[in-house]
């Protein structure tokens, strides 16, 4: 008989392409009665167009688990690195941390 811990193991594969990640600096969240949609967006300074780089669609239950996992990880991060400073909700951070451009 298999150990119950063995039954619960999940083998998760991560391809090299996905492991590289995609930089985004904006997320848009919408929902219906059956699902939550999160669009991850890359918005560059000076461009009037932003590009959706990835979209995830999850059930309400998974959305809540994701929210709780993010909250737990933010708490751990802040206990090590200090409080994360937020920008105002209606202000998109156009200074992405690099030097100011000069011509």
N, C-alpha and C. Protein backbone atom coordinates (compact mmCIF):
# COMPACT_ATOMS: atom_id res chain seq x y z
N UNK A 1 0.84 -1.19 0.00
CA UNK A 1 0.00 0.00 0.00
C UNK A 1 0.89 1.26 0.00
N UNK A 2 0.53 2.22 -0.86
CA UNK A 2 1.33 3.44 -0.96
C UNK A 2 1.13 4.35 0.23
N UNK A 3 2.20 5.04 0.59
CA UNK A 3 2.14 6.03 1.66
C UNK A 3 1.28 7.21 1.18
N UNK A 4 0.46 7.79 2.05
CA UNK A 4 -0.43 8.89 1.66
C UNK A 4 0.35 10.11 1.18
N UNK A 5 1.60 10.30 1.70
CA UNK A 5 2.42 11.42 1.25
C UNK A 5 2.84 11.23 -0.21
N UNK A 6 3.07 9.98 -0.60
CA UNK A 6 3.45 9.69 -1.99
C UNK A 6 2.30 10.03 -2.94
N UNK A 7 1.08 9.76 -2.54
CA UNK A 7 -0.07 10.03 -3.38
C UNK A 7 -0.25 11.53 -3.62
N UNK A 8 0.16 12.35 -2.66
CA UNK A 8 -0.05 13.79 -2.75
C UNK A 8 1.06 14.52 -3.51
N UNK A 9 2.16 13.83 -3.86
CA UNK A 9 3.25 14.48 -4.59
C UNK A 9 2.79 14.86 -5.99
N UNK A 10 3.19 16.02 -6.43
CA UNK A 10 2.86 16.51 -7.75
C UNK A 10 4.14 16.84 -8.47
N UNK A 11 4.32 16.27 -9.63
CA UNK A 11 5.51 16.52 -10.43
C UNK A 11 5.21 17.69 -11.37
N UNK A 12 5.82 18.83 -11.11
CA UNK A 12 5.59 20.03 -11.91
C UNK A 12 6.78 20.26 -12.82
N UNK A 13 6.53 20.37 -14.12
CA UNK A 13 7.59 20.62 -15.08
C UNK A 13 7.61 22.09 -15.44
N UNK A 14 8.81 22.63 -15.60
CA UNK A 14 9.00 24.03 -15.96
C UNK A 14 9.96 24.09 -17.15
N UNK A 15 9.44 24.46 -18.32
CA UNK A 15 10.29 24.53 -19.51
C UNK A 15 11.26 25.70 -19.39
N UNK A 16 12.34 25.64 -20.14
CA UNK A 16 13.34 26.73 -20.11
C UNK A 16 12.71 28.05 -20.53
N UNK A 17 11.86 28.01 -21.55
CA UNK A 17 11.22 29.24 -22.04
C UNK A 17 10.36 29.90 -20.96
N UNK A 18 9.55 29.10 -20.27
CA UNK A 18 8.70 29.64 -19.21
C UNK A 18 9.54 30.07 -18.02
N UNK A 19 10.61 29.35 -17.72
CA UNK A 19 11.48 29.67 -16.58
C UNK A 19 12.14 31.04 -16.74
N UNK A 20 12.33 31.49 -17.97
CA UNK A 20 12.93 32.81 -18.22
C UNK A 20 12.03 33.93 -17.72
N UNK A 21 10.74 33.70 -17.69
CA UNK A 21 9.79 34.71 -17.22
C UNK A 21 9.55 35.80 -18.25
N UNK A 22 8.59 36.64 -17.95
CA UNK A 22 8.23 37.78 -18.80
C UNK A 22 8.05 38.98 -17.90
N UNK A 23 8.73 40.09 -18.21
CA UNK A 23 8.61 41.29 -17.38
C UNK A 23 7.28 41.98 -17.66
N UNK A 24 6.57 42.31 -16.59
CA UNK A 24 5.34 43.11 -16.69
C UNK A 24 5.37 44.14 -15.57
N UNK A 25 4.66 45.25 -15.77
CA UNK A 25 4.61 46.27 -14.74
C UNK A 25 3.19 46.77 -14.50
N UNK A 26 2.22 45.99 -14.97
CA UNK A 26 0.82 46.36 -14.80
C UNK A 26 -0.02 45.10 -14.90
N UNK A 27 -1.07 45.01 -14.11
CA UNK A 27 -2.00 43.89 -14.21
C UNK A 27 -3.41 44.43 -14.19
N UNK A 28 -4.27 43.83 -15.00
CA UNK A 28 -5.69 44.20 -15.04
C UNK A 28 -6.49 42.95 -14.66
N UNK A 29 -7.41 43.10 -13.71
CA UNK A 29 -8.19 41.97 -13.24
C UNK A 29 -9.66 42.23 -13.52
N UNK A 30 -10.32 41.24 -14.13
CA UNK A 30 -11.76 41.29 -14.35
C UNK A 30 -12.34 39.94 -13.92
N UNK A 31 -13.66 39.88 -13.80
CA UNK A 31 -14.27 38.61 -13.41
C UNK A 31 -15.69 38.50 -13.92
N UNK A 32 -16.13 37.25 -14.00
CA UNK A 32 -17.53 36.93 -14.26
C UNK A 32 -18.00 36.08 -13.07
N UNK A 33 -19.18 35.52 -13.16
CA UNK A 33 -19.65 34.69 -12.05
C UNK A 33 -18.89 33.36 -11.98
N UNK A 34 -18.16 32.99 -13.04
CA UNK A 34 -17.51 31.69 -13.09
C UNK A 34 -15.98 31.73 -13.08
N UNK A 35 -15.40 32.91 -13.36
CA UNK A 35 -13.95 32.95 -13.49
C UNK A 35 -13.38 34.34 -13.26
N UNK A 36 -12.08 34.36 -12.93
CA UNK A 36 -11.32 35.60 -12.83
C UNK A 36 -10.31 35.59 -13.97
N UNK A 37 -10.13 36.76 -14.59
CA UNK A 37 -9.17 36.90 -15.69
C UNK A 37 -8.15 37.94 -15.25
N UNK A 38 -6.87 37.56 -15.31
CA UNK A 38 -5.79 38.48 -14.96
C UNK A 38 -4.91 38.65 -16.20
N UNK A 39 -4.85 39.88 -16.71
CA UNK A 39 -3.97 40.21 -17.82
C UNK A 39 -2.72 40.87 -17.26
N UNK A 40 -1.56 40.31 -17.61
CA UNK A 40 -0.28 40.88 -17.22
C UNK A 40 0.24 41.68 -18.39
N UNK A 41 0.54 42.98 -18.13
CA UNK A 41 0.78 43.95 -19.20
C UNK A 41 2.16 44.57 -19.05
N UNK A 42 2.80 44.82 -20.19
CA UNK A 42 4.07 45.54 -20.22
C UNK A 42 3.79 46.91 -20.82
N UNK A 43 3.95 47.95 -20.00
CA UNK A 43 3.69 49.33 -20.43
C UNK A 43 5.02 50.08 -20.40
N UNK A 44 5.44 50.59 -21.53
CA UNK A 44 6.72 51.28 -21.61
C UNK A 44 6.52 52.79 -21.60
N UNK A 45 7.43 53.53 -20.99
CA UNK A 45 7.32 54.99 -20.91
C UNK A 45 7.25 55.60 -22.31
N UNK A 46 6.38 56.56 -22.47
CA UNK A 46 6.26 57.28 -23.72
C UNK A 46 5.39 56.60 -24.76
N UNK A 47 5.05 55.35 -24.58
CA UNK A 47 4.17 54.66 -25.52
C UNK A 47 2.73 54.82 -25.08
N UNK A 48 1.86 55.04 -26.06
CA UNK A 48 0.45 55.18 -25.74
C UNK A 48 -0.25 53.82 -25.83
N UNK A 49 0.51 52.80 -26.19
CA UNK A 49 -0.02 51.46 -26.31
C UNK A 49 0.70 50.54 -25.33
N UNK A 50 -0.05 49.68 -24.67
CA UNK A 50 0.53 48.69 -23.77
C UNK A 50 0.18 47.32 -24.32
N UNK A 51 1.05 46.36 -24.07
CA UNK A 51 0.85 45.03 -24.63
C UNK A 51 0.61 44.00 -23.54
N UNK A 52 -0.47 43.22 -23.69
CA UNK A 52 -0.72 42.11 -22.78
C UNK A 52 0.30 41.03 -23.11
N UNK A 53 1.09 40.66 -22.11
CA UNK A 53 2.14 39.65 -22.30
C UNK A 53 1.66 38.26 -21.91
N UNK A 54 0.69 38.20 -21.00
CA UNK A 54 0.19 36.90 -20.55
C UNK A 54 -1.19 37.10 -19.94
N UNK A 55 -2.02 36.08 -20.05
CA UNK A 55 -3.35 36.12 -19.45
C UNK A 55 -3.57 34.80 -18.72
N UNK A 56 -4.06 34.89 -17.48
CA UNK A 56 -4.46 33.68 -16.78
C UNK A 56 -5.94 33.77 -16.48
N UNK A 57 -6.60 32.63 -16.56
CA UNK A 57 -8.03 32.54 -16.26
C UNK A 57 -8.17 31.46 -15.20
N UNK A 58 -8.75 31.83 -14.06
CA UNK A 58 -8.86 30.89 -12.94
C UNK A 58 -10.26 30.92 -12.35
N UNK A 59 -10.60 29.85 -11.65
CA UNK A 59 -11.88 29.79 -10.95
C UNK A 59 -11.83 30.75 -9.75
N UNK A 60 -12.99 31.13 -9.23
CA UNK A 60 -12.99 31.98 -8.03
C UNK A 60 -12.20 31.36 -6.87
N UNK A 61 -12.27 30.04 -6.70
CA UNK A 61 -11.55 29.38 -5.63
C UNK A 61 -10.03 29.51 -5.83
N UNK A 62 -9.57 29.32 -7.06
CA UNK A 62 -8.14 29.47 -7.33
C UNK A 62 -7.70 30.92 -7.20
N UNK A 63 -8.57 31.85 -7.58
CA UNK A 63 -8.24 33.27 -7.44
C UNK A 63 -8.01 33.61 -5.96
N UNK A 64 -8.85 33.08 -5.10
CA UNK A 64 -8.70 33.35 -3.66
C UNK A 64 -7.43 32.71 -3.12
N UNK A 65 -7.12 31.49 -3.57
CA UNK A 65 -5.87 30.84 -3.14
C UNK A 65 -4.66 31.63 -3.61
N UNK A 66 -4.73 32.16 -4.83
CA UNK A 66 -3.63 32.98 -5.36
C UNK A 66 -3.47 34.24 -4.53
N UNK A 67 -4.58 34.90 -4.21
CA UNK A 67 -4.53 36.10 -3.38
C UNK A 67 -3.88 35.80 -2.03
N UNK A 68 -4.27 34.69 -1.40
CA UNK A 68 -3.71 34.33 -0.10
C UNK A 68 -2.23 33.99 -0.20
N UNK A 69 -1.83 33.30 -1.27
CA UNK A 69 -0.42 32.95 -1.46
C UNK A 69 0.41 34.22 -1.67
N UNK A 70 -0.10 35.17 -2.45
CA UNK A 70 0.61 36.44 -2.65
C UNK A 70 0.73 37.21 -1.34
N UNK A 71 -0.36 37.27 -0.58
CA UNK A 71 -0.34 37.99 0.70
C UNK A 71 0.69 37.37 1.65
N UNK A 72 0.74 36.05 1.70
CA UNK A 72 1.69 35.36 2.57
C UNK A 72 3.13 35.65 2.14
N UNK A 73 3.37 35.63 0.83
CA UNK A 73 4.72 35.88 0.34
C UNK A 73 5.14 37.33 0.49
N UNK A 74 4.21 38.26 0.34
CA UNK A 74 4.52 39.67 0.56
C UNK A 74 4.89 39.89 2.03
N UNK A 75 4.15 39.26 2.93
CA UNK A 75 4.45 39.37 4.36
C UNK A 75 5.86 38.86 4.66
N UNK A 76 6.22 37.72 4.09
CA UNK A 76 7.57 37.16 4.28
C UNK A 76 8.63 38.09 3.69
N UNK A 77 8.37 38.62 2.50
CA UNK A 77 9.31 39.53 1.84
C UNK A 77 9.55 40.76 2.71
N UNK A 78 8.44 41.37 3.19
CA UNK A 78 8.56 42.60 3.99
C UNK A 78 9.23 42.35 5.33
N UNK A 79 9.07 41.16 5.89
CA UNK A 79 9.74 40.89 7.16
C UNK A 79 11.26 40.81 6.97
N UNK A 80 11.70 40.48 5.77
CA UNK A 80 13.14 40.40 5.47
C UNK A 80 13.68 41.71 4.90
N UNK A 81 12.94 42.33 3.98
CA UNK A 81 13.46 43.46 3.20
C UNK A 81 12.83 44.81 3.54
N UNK A 82 11.87 44.84 4.42
CA UNK A 82 11.19 46.10 4.76
C UNK A 82 9.93 46.27 3.93
N UNK A 83 9.13 47.24 4.34
CA UNK A 83 7.84 47.48 3.71
C UNK A 83 7.98 47.91 2.26
N UNK A 84 7.16 47.35 1.41
CA UNK A 84 7.11 47.72 -0.01
C UNK A 84 6.34 49.03 -0.12
N UNK A 85 6.95 50.02 -0.76
CA UNK A 85 6.29 51.31 -0.95
C UNK A 85 5.40 51.25 -2.19
N UNK A 86 4.15 51.60 -2.02
CA UNK A 86 3.20 51.56 -3.13
C UNK A 86 3.11 52.91 -3.82
N UNK A 87 2.85 52.87 -5.13
CA UNK A 87 2.53 54.10 -5.86
C UNK A 87 1.01 54.27 -5.78
N UNK A 88 0.51 55.49 -5.90
CA UNK A 88 -0.95 55.68 -5.88
C UNK A 88 -1.61 54.81 -6.95
N UNK A 89 -2.82 54.32 -6.67
CA UNK A 89 -3.53 53.39 -7.57
C UNK A 89 -3.69 53.92 -8.99
N UNK A 90 -3.93 55.20 -9.15
CA UNK A 90 -4.18 55.74 -10.49
C UNK A 90 -2.91 56.25 -11.16
N UNK A 91 -1.77 56.02 -10.54
CA UNK A 91 -0.50 56.48 -11.10
C UNK A 91 0.32 55.27 -11.56
N UNK A 92 0.59 55.22 -12.86
CA UNK A 92 1.40 54.13 -13.40
C UNK A 92 2.86 54.51 -13.24
N UNK A 93 3.70 53.62 -12.68
CA UNK A 93 5.11 53.96 -12.47
C UNK A 93 5.89 53.95 -13.78
N UNK A 94 6.13 55.13 -14.35
CA UNK A 94 6.84 55.20 -15.62
C UNK A 94 8.34 55.16 -15.45
N UNK A 95 8.84 55.53 -14.28
CA UNK A 95 10.28 55.41 -14.04
C UNK A 95 10.54 53.98 -13.60
N UNK A 96 11.10 53.18 -14.49
CA UNK A 96 11.28 51.77 -14.20
C UNK A 96 12.60 51.49 -13.47
N UNK A 97 13.17 52.53 -12.85
CA UNK A 97 14.35 52.32 -12.03
C UNK A 97 15.66 52.61 -12.73
N UNK A 98 15.63 52.89 -14.02
CA UNK A 98 16.85 53.17 -14.76
C UNK A 98 17.17 54.64 -14.78
N UNK A 99 18.30 55.00 -15.36
CA UNK A 99 18.66 56.43 -15.45
C UNK A 99 17.74 57.17 -16.40
N UNK A 100 17.65 58.49 -16.21
CA UNK A 100 16.85 59.30 -17.12
C UNK A 100 17.53 59.36 -18.48
N UNK A 101 16.73 59.29 -19.54
CA UNK A 101 17.28 59.34 -20.89
C UNK A 101 17.76 60.72 -21.26
N UNK A 102 18.82 60.76 -22.03
CA UNK A 102 19.36 62.03 -22.52
C UNK A 102 19.59 61.92 -24.01
N UNK A 103 19.42 63.04 -24.70
CA UNK A 103 19.64 63.03 -26.16
C UNK A 103 20.80 63.93 -26.51
